Amino acid sequence: MAHYPEPLEALIRELKKLPGIGQRTAERLAFHLLGQPEEEVERLREALRAIQAEIVLCRECFNFAEADGRGEDEDGDRRALCGICRDPGRDRSVICVVSHPQELWKIEKTGGYQGLYHVLGGLISPLRDVHPEDLHIEGLMERLRRGGVREVILALDPTVEGEHTSLYLARQIKPLGIVTTRIAQGVPIGRDLEFTDEATLSRALQGRVTI
């Protein structure tokens, strides 16, 4: 059985590592790239390089941010503030907690939320060896201890892990006297927020309930 040339095989193997990309799709993408002009492929190569070199985590909310170009500080920290945290028009008394940046941007597309965010970087899942100390929970608590926050909205996946994480956070936040709510109706049980449409997500935010 004949095989593709090794450089093409290598490209297909790498493309298959992307979410939702199987063998046939990876092959189709690889052949598409082979047929593109050199300048088109170079633009793609530069875009991939840029996300590694210029995209960092926001030092406040752990969303994706553009590096500020000032290099690392004395602790080796390259993080900058994201555009949302820098925006003076955002309501700083409300923080919406999500598990990943893509869910943050999903909520932003609804256009109905004007507060700040905090990205946990995952959900508590002992079966997957993910514990509270593995997430950005302490960073959230530090923000809340500074004062000025009246409500924390937990917009986590309606799964076992999401429920467990929500209850854990609610227990941590309660002694601070801050209202803790979570998004309500409209989000099907077991469905990731990333795949929930904007209209449904907007209604769920409006109908949030206190924990």
C-alpha atoms as a PDB file:
ATOM      1  CA  MET A   1       0.000   0.000   0.000  1.00  0.00           C
ATOM      2  CA  ALA A   2       1.411   3.366  -1.036  1.00  0.00           C
ATOM      3  CA  HIS A   3       1.829   6.106   1.543  1.00  0.00           C
ATOM      4  CA  TYR A   4       1.893   9.859   1.274  1.00  0.00           C
ATOM      5  CA  PRO A   5       5.323  11.514   1.257  1.00  0.00           C
ATOM      6  CA  GLU A   6       6.501  11.902   4.862  1.00  0.00           C
ATOM      7  CA  PRO A   7       6.131  15.726   5.020  1.00  0.00           C
ATOM      8  CA  LEU A   8       2.501  15.336   3.945  1.00  0.00           C
ATOM      9  CA  GLU A   9       1.946  12.480   6.413  1.00  0.00           C
ATOM     10  CA  ALA A  10       3.423  14.640   9.166  1.00  0.00           C
ATOM     11  CA  LEU A  11       1.057  17.515   8.336  1.00  0.00           C
ATOM     12  CA  ILE A  12      -1.945  15.184   8.350  1.00  0.00           C
ATOM     13  CA  ARG A  13      -0.913  13.760  11.736  1.00  0.00           C
ATOM     14  CA  GLU A  14      -0.694  17.260  13.219  1.00  0.00           C
ATOM     15  CA  LEU A  15      -4.028  18.351  11.744  1.00  0.00           C
ATOM     16  CA  LYS A  16      -5.717  15.266  13.224  1.00  0.00           C
ATOM     17  CA  LYS A  17      -4.765  16.517  16.693  1.00  0.00           C
ATOM     18  CA  LEU A  18      -7.161  19.461  16.290  1.00  0.00           C
ATOM     19  CA  PRO A  19     -10.670  19.119  17.825  1.00  0.00           C
ATOM     20  CA  GLY A  20     -13.198  17.584  15.459  1.00  0.00           C
ATOM     21  CA  ILE A  21     -10.640  16.770  12.768  1.00  0.00           C
ATOM     22  CA  GLY A  22     -10.540  13.157  11.608  1.00  0.00           C
ATOM     23  CA  GLN A  23      -8.412  11.423   8.988  1.00  0.00           C
ATOM     24  CA  ARG A  24     -10.467  12.459   5.944  1.00  0.00           C
ATOM     25  CA  THR A  25     -10.821  16.086   7.017  1.00  0.00           C
ATOM     26  CA  ALA A  26      -7.112  16.268   7.844  1.00  0.00           C
ATOM     27  CA  GLU A  27      -6.260  14.912   4.393  1.00  0.00           C
ATOM     28  CA  ARG A  28      -8.605  17.406   2.719  1.00  0.00           C
ATOM     29  CA  LEU A  29      -7.051  20.312   4.626  1.00  0.00           C
ATOM     30  CA  ALA A  30      -3.528  19.126   3.873  1.00  0.00           C
ATOM     31  CA  PHE A  31      -4.201  18.859   0.135  1.00  0.00           C
ATOM     32  CA  HIS A  32      -5.881  22.270   0.224  1.00  0.00           C
ATOM     33  CA  LEU A  33      -2.770  23.792   1.764  1.00  0.00           C
ATOM     34  CA  LEU A  34      -0.581  22.089  -0.826  1.00  0.00           C
ATOM     35  CA  GLY A  35      -2.563  23.817  -3.551  1.00  0.00           C
ATOM     36  CA  GLN A  36      -2.289  27.311  -2.068  1.00  0.00           C
ATOM     37  CA  PRO A  37       0.201  29.953  -3.233  1.00  0.00           C
ATOM     38  CA  GLU A  38       3.322  30.283  -1.097  1.00  0.00           C
ATOM     39  CA  GLU A  39       2.226  33.674   0.256  1.00  0.00           C
ATOM     40  CA  GLU A  40      -1.070  32.192   1.546  1.00  0.00           C
ATOM     41  CA  VAL A  41       0.751  29.413   3.380  1.00  0.00           C
ATOM     42  CA  GLU A  42       3.211  31.960   4.765  1.00  0.00           C
ATOM     43  CA  ARG A  43       0.334  34.035   6.187  1.00  0.00           C
ATOM     44  CA  LEU A  44      -1.003  30.941   7.931  1.00  0.00           C
ATOM     45  CA  ARG A  45       2.469  30.120   9.248  1.00  0.00           C
ATOM     46  CA  GLU A  46       2.837  33.686  10.565  1.00  0.00           C
ATOM     47  CA  ALA A  47      -0.592  33.580  12.235  1.00  0.00           C
ATOM     48  CA  LEU A  48       0.341  30.340  14.016  1.00  0.00           C
ATOM     49  CA  ARG A  49       3.659  31.807  15.097  1.00  0.00           C
ATOM     50  CA  ALA A  50       1.940  34.953  16.396  1.00  0.00           C
ATOM     51  CA  ILE A  51      -0.467  33.108  18.695  1.00  0.00           C
ATOM     52  CA  GLN A  52       2.511  31.440  20.382  1.00  0.00           C
ATOM     53  CA  ALA A  53       4.603  34.604  20.613  1.00  0.00           C
ATOM     54  CA  GLU A  54       1.988  37.296  21.216  1.00  0.00           C
ATOM     55  CA  ILE A  55      -1.021  35.701  22.959  1.00  0.00           C
ATOM     56  CA  VAL A  56      -0.701  35.372  26.753  1.00  0.00           C
ATOM     57  CA  LEU A  57      -3.063  34.985  29.705  1.00  0.00           C
ATOM     58  CA  CYS A  58      -4.583  38.095  31.235  1.00  0.00           C
ATOM     59  CA  ARG A  59      -2.966  38.645  34.623  1.00  0.00           C
ATOM     60  CA  GLU A  60      -6.328  39.560  36.122  1.00  0.00           C
ATOM     61  CA  CYS A  61      -8.965  37.241  34.682  1.00  0.00           C
ATOM     62  CA  PHE A  62      -6.909  34.601  32.767  1.00  0.00           C
ATOM     63  CA  ASN A  63      -8.639  35.354  29.479  1.00  0.00           C
ATOM     64  CA  PHE A  64      -6.451  35.472  26.368  1.00  0.00           C
ATOM     65  CA  ALA A  65      -4.658  38.794  25.988  1.00  0.00           C
ATOM     66  CA  GLU A  66      -2.169  40.336  23.625  1.00  0.00           C
ATOM     67  CA  ALA A  67       1.325  40.601  25.075  1.00  0.00           C
ATOM     68  CA  ASP A  68       2.171  44.221  25.843  1.00  0.00           C
ATOM     69  CA  GLY A  69       5.655  43.985  24.327  1.00  0.00           C
ATOM     70  CA  ARG A  70       7.493  44.972  27.490  1.00  0.00           C
ATOM     71  CA  GLY A  71       8.947  41.502  27.998  1.00  0.00           C
ATOM     72  CA  GLU A  72       8.951  39.424  31.146  1.00  0.00           C
ATOM     73  CA  ASP A  73       9.059  40.938  34.617  1.00  0.00           C
ATOM     74  CA  GLU A  74      11.526  39.815  37.276  1.00  0.00           C
ATOM     75  CA  ASP A  75       9.372  36.753  37.973  1.00  0.00           C
ATOM     76  CA  GLY A  76       9.277  35.740  34.309  1.00  0.00           C
ATOM     77  CA  ASP A  77       5.605  36.796  34.004  1.00  0.00           C
ATOM     78  CA  ARG A  78       4.671  37.955  30.474  1.00  0.00           C
ATOM     79  CA  ARG A  79       0.964  38.417  31.175  1.00  0.00           C
ATOM     80  CA  ALA A  80      -0.854  41.607  30.259  1.00  0.00           C
ATOM     81  CA  LEU A  81      -4.405  42.826  30.842  1.00  0.00           C
ATOM     82  CA  CYS A  82      -6.988  41.741  28.288  1.00  0.00           C
ATOM     83  CA  GLY A  83      -9.172  44.278  26.514  1.00  0.00           C
ATOM     84  CA  ILE A  84     -12.180  43.515  28.719  1.00  0.00           C
ATOM     85  CA  CYS A  85     -10.284  44.108  31.957  1.00  0.00           C
ATOM     86  CA  ARG A  86      -8.868  47.355  30.534  1.00  0.00           C
ATOM     87  CA  ASP A  87     -12.271  48.635  29.416  1.00  0.00           C
ATOM     88  CA  PRO A  88     -13.369  51.440  31.807  1.00  0.00           C
ATOM     89  CA  GLY A  89     -16.967  51.010  30.687  1.00  0.00           C
ATOM     90  CA  ARG A  90     -17.359  47.513  32.166  1.00  0.00           C
ATOM     91  CA  ASP A  91     -19.335  46.996  35.378  1.00  0.00           C
ATOM     92  CA  ARG A  92     -16.625  46.012  37.866  1.00  0.00           C
ATOM     93  CA  SER A  93     -19.121  45.006  40.543  1.00  0.00           C
ATOM     94  CA  VAL A  94     -20.062  41.806  38.674  1.00  0.00           C
ATOM     95  CA  ILE A  95     -17.749  38.922  37.721  1.00  0.00           C
ATOM     96  CA  CYS A  96     -18.890  36.064  35.482  1.00  0.00           C
ATOM     97  CA  VAL A  97     -16.926  32.844  36.044  1.00  0.00           C
ATOM     98  CA  VAL A  98     -16.377  30.490  33.097  1.00  0.00           C
ATOM     99  CA  SER A  99     -14.188  27.435  32.657  1.00  0.00           C
ATOM    100  CA  HIS A 100     -12.455  28.395  29.383  1.00  0.00           C
ATOM    101  CA  PRO A 101     -11.888  31.555  27.280  1.00  0.00           C
ATOM    102  CA  GLN A 102     -14.051  30.290  24.409  1.00  0.00           C
ATOM    103  CA  GLU A 103     -17.073  30.345  26.740  1.00  0.00           C
ATOM    104  CA  LEU A 104     -16.244  33.931  27.701  1.00  0.00           C
ATOM    105  CA  TRP A 105     -16.373  34.967  24.058  1.00  0.00           C
ATOM    106  CA  LYS A 106     -19.602  33.046  23.571  1.00  0.00           C
ATOM    107  CA  ILE A 107     -21.193  35.159  26.311  1.00  0.00           C
ATOM    108  CA  GLU A 108     -19.708  38.343  24.825  1.00  0.00           C
ATOM    109  CA  LYS A 109     -21.462  37.598  21.533  1.00  0.00           C
ATOM    110  CA  THR A 110     -24.842  37.768  23.295  1.00  0.00           C
ATOM    111  CA  GLY A 111     -24.246  41.481  23.840  1.00  0.00           C
ATOM    112  CA  GLY A 112     -26.220  41.329  27.069  1.00  0.00           C
ATOM    113  CA  TYR A 113     -23.468  41.216  29.650  1.00  0.00           C
ATOM    114  CA  GLN A 114     -21.301  44.203  30.603  1.00  0.00           C
ATOM    115  CA  GLY A 115     -19.457  42.960  33.686  1.00  0.00           C
ATOM    116  CA  LEU A 116     -16.034  41.382  34.059  1.00  0.00           C
ATOM    117  CA  TYR A 117     -14.989  37.729  33.790  1.00  0.00           C
ATOM    118  CA  HIS A 118     -12.797  35.140  35.451  1.00  0.00           C
ATOM    119  CA  VAL A 119     -11.547  32.046  33.592  1.00  0.00           C
ATOM    120  CA  LEU A 120     -10.915  28.996  35.770  1.00  0.00           C
ATOM    121  CA  GLY A 121      -8.977  27.036  33.178  1.00  0.00           C
ATOM    122  CA  GLY A 122     -11.131  23.935  33.626  1.00  0.00           C
ATOM    123  CA  LEU A 123     -13.514  22.267  36.080  1.00  0.00           C
ATOM    124  CA  ILE A 124     -12.903  20.326  39.265  1.00  0.00           C
ATOM    125  CA  SER A 125     -12.823  16.643  38.350  1.00  0.00           C
ATOM    126  CA  PRO A 126     -11.174  14.205  40.787  1.00  0.00           C
ATOM    127  CA  LEU A 127     -11.597  11.391  38.259  1.00  0.00           C
ATOM    128  CA  ARG A 128      -9.403  13.343  35.847  1.00  0.00           C
ATOM    129  CA  ASP A 129      -7.044  14.394  38.645  1.00  0.00           C
ATOM    130  CA  VAL A 130      -8.137  18.054  38.393  1.00  0.00           C
ATOM    131  CA  HIS A 131      -8.389  19.646  41.841  1.00  0.00           C
ATOM    132  CA  PRO A 132      -9.178  23.201  43.039  1.00  0.00           C
ATOM    133  CA  GLU A 133      -5.490  24.069  43.329  1.00  0.00           C
ATOM    134  CA  ASP A 134      -5.041  23.191  39.643  1.00  0.00           C
ATOM    135  CA  LEU A 135      -7.465  25.935  38.589  1.00  0.00           C
ATOM    136  CA  HIS A 136      -7.423  29.743  38.825  1.00  0.00           C
ATOM    137  CA  ILE A 137      -9.657  29.710  41.891  1.00  0.00           C
ATOM    138  CA  GLU A 138      -7.238  31.467  44.226  1.00  0.00           C
ATOM    139  CA  GLY A 139      -6.910  34.239  41.663  1.00  0.00           C
ATOM    140  CA  LEU A 140     -10.684  34.708  41.785  1.00  0.00           C
ATOM    141  CA  MET A 141     -10.692  34.796  45.580  1.00  0.00           C
ATOM    142  CA  GLU A 142      -7.933  37.412  45.584  1.00  0.00           C
ATOM    143  CA  ARG A 143     -10.029  39.619  43.317  1.00  0.00           C
ATOM    144  CA  LEU A 144     -13.070  39.231  45.562  1.00  0.00           C
ATOM    145  CA  ARG A 145     -11.114  40.014  48.732  1.00  0.00           C
ATOM    146  CA  ARG A 146     -10.123  43.402  47.295  1.00  0.00           C
ATOM    147  CA  GLY A 147     -13.763  44.453  47.599  1.00  0.00           C
ATOM    148  CA  GLY A 148     -16.094  46.209  45.191  1.00  0.00           C
ATOM    149  CA  VAL A 149     -17.722  43.048  43.804  1.00  0.00           C
ATOM    150  CA  ARG A 150     -21.425  42.587  44.619  1.00  0.00           C
ATOM    151  CA  GLU A 151     -22.218  39.505  42.491  1.00  0.00           C
ATOM    152  CA  VAL A 152     -20.419  36.484  41.083  1.00  0.00           C
ATOM    153  CA  ILE A 153     -22.197  34.689  38.223  1.00  0.00           C
ATOM    154  CA  LEU A 154     -21.217  31.051  37.765  1.00  0.00           C
ATOM    155  CA  ALA A 155     -21.590  30.250  34.056  1.00  0.00           C
ATOM    156  CA  LEU A 156     -20.226  26.715  34.124  1.00  0.00           C
ATOM    157  CA  ASP A 157     -21.207  23.683  32.071  1.00  0.00           C
ATOM    158  CA  PRO A 158     -24.396  21.940  33.333  1.00  0.00           C
ATOM    159  CA  THR A 159     -22.475  18.700  33.908  1.00  0.00           C
ATOM    160  CA  VAL A 160     -21.455  16.768  37.014  1.00  0.00           C
ATOM    161  CA  GLU A 161     -18.069  18.527  36.986  1.00  0.00           C
ATOM    162  CA  GLY A 162     -19.698  21.920  36.441  1.00  0.00           C
ATOM    163  CA  GLU A 163     -22.149  21.364  39.288  1.00  0.00           C
ATOM    164  CA  HIS A 164     -19.379  20.221  41.620  1.00  0.00           C
ATOM    165  CA  THR A 165     -17.256  23.254  40.748  1.00  0.00           C
ATOM    166  CA  SER A 166     -20.197  25.647  41.190  1.00  0.00           C
ATOM    167  CA  LEU A 167     -21.000  24.292  44.659  1.00  0.00           C
ATOM    168  CA  TYR A 168     -17.336  24.436  45.677  1.00  0.00           C
ATOM    169  CA  LEU A 169     -17.035  28.072  44.563  1.00  0.00           C
ATOM    170  CA  ALA A 170     -20.312  29.035  46.245  1.00  0.00           C
ATOM    171  CA  ARG A 171     -18.982  27.671  49.559  1.00  0.00           C
ATOM    172  CA  GLN A 172     -15.735  29.601  49.173  1.00  0.00           C
ATOM    173  CA  ILE A 173     -17.464  32.866  48.272  1.00  0.00           C
ATOM    174  CA  LYS A 174     -20.279  32.779  50.866  1.00  0.00           C
ATOM    175  CA  PRO A 175     -18.153  33.986  53.851  1.00  0.00           C
ATOM    176  CA  LEU A 176     -17.286  37.127  51.844  1.00  0.00           C
ATOM    177  CA  GLY A 177     -20.937  38.186  51.771  1.00  0.00           C
ATOM    178  CA  ILE A 178     -21.032  38.384  47.971  1.00  0.00           C
ATOM    179  CA  VAL A 179     -24.160  37.233  46.128  1.00  0.00           C
ATOM    180  CA  THR A 180     -23.435  34.097  44.090  1.00  0.00           C
ATOM    181  CA  THR A 181     -25.741  33.207  41.204  1.00  0.00           C
ATOM    182  CA  ARG A 182     -25.636  30.755  38.329  1.00  0.00           C
ATOM    183  CA  ILE A 183     -27.169  30.804  34.887  1.00  0.00           C
ATOM    184  CA  ALA A 184     -30.636  29.317  34.794  1.00  0.00           C
ATOM    185  CA  GLN A 185     -33.103  27.887  32.303  1.00  0.00           C
ATOM    186  CA  GLY A 186     -32.364  27.191  28.687  1.00  0.00           C
ATOM    187  CA  VAL A 187     -29.022  25.382  28.929  1.00  0.00           C
ATOM    188  CA  PRO A 188     -29.588  21.624  28.446  1.00  0.00           C
ATOM    189  CA  ILE A 189     -28.134  19.305  31.080  1.00  0.00           C
ATOM    190  CA  GLY A 190     -24.869  17.768  29.939  1.00  0.00           C
ATOM    191  CA  ARG A 191     -24.283  20.273  27.116  1.00  0.00           C
ATOM    192  CA  ASP A 192     -21.094  22.382  27.001  1.00  0.00           C
ATOM    193  CA  LEU A 193     -21.675  26.141  27.026  1.00  0.00           C
ATOM    194  CA  GLU A 194     -19.362  26.449  24.042  1.00  0.00           C
ATOM    195  CA  PHE A 195     -22.019  24.771  21.877  1.00  0.00           C
ATOM    196  CA  THR A 196     -25.035  26.642  23.260  1.00  0.00           C
ATOM    197  CA  ASP A 197     -26.487  29.297  20.949  1.00  0.00           C
ATOM    198  CA  GLU A 198     -26.250  32.964  21.926  1.00  0.00           C
ATOM    199  CA  ALA A 199     -30.003  33.518  22.341  1.00  0.00           C
ATOM    200  CA  THR A 200     -30.358  30.584  24.748  1.00  0.00           C
ATOM    201  CA  LEU A 201     -27.270  31.683  26.664  1.00  0.00           C
ATOM    202  CA  SER A 202     -28.555  35.252  26.912  1.00  0.00           C
ATOM    203  CA  ARG A 203     -31.868  34.033  28.418  1.00  0.00           C
ATOM    204  CA  ALA A 204     -29.963  31.832  30.851  1.00  0.00           C
ATOM    205  CA  LEU A 205     -27.916  34.802  32.027  1.00  0.00           C
ATOM    206  CA  GLN A 206     -31.021  36.943  32.502  1.00  0.00           C
ATOM    207  CA  GLY A 207     -32.758  34.191  34.453  1.00  0.00           C
ATOM    208  CA  ARG A 208     -29.832  33.363  36.772  1.00  0.00           C
ATOM    209  CA  VAL A 209     -30.665  32.167  40.277  1.00  0.00           C
ATOM    210  CA  THR A 210     -28.968  32.599  43.619  1.00  0.00           C
ATOM    211  CA  ILE A 211     -27.009  29.626  44.976  1.00  0.00           C
END
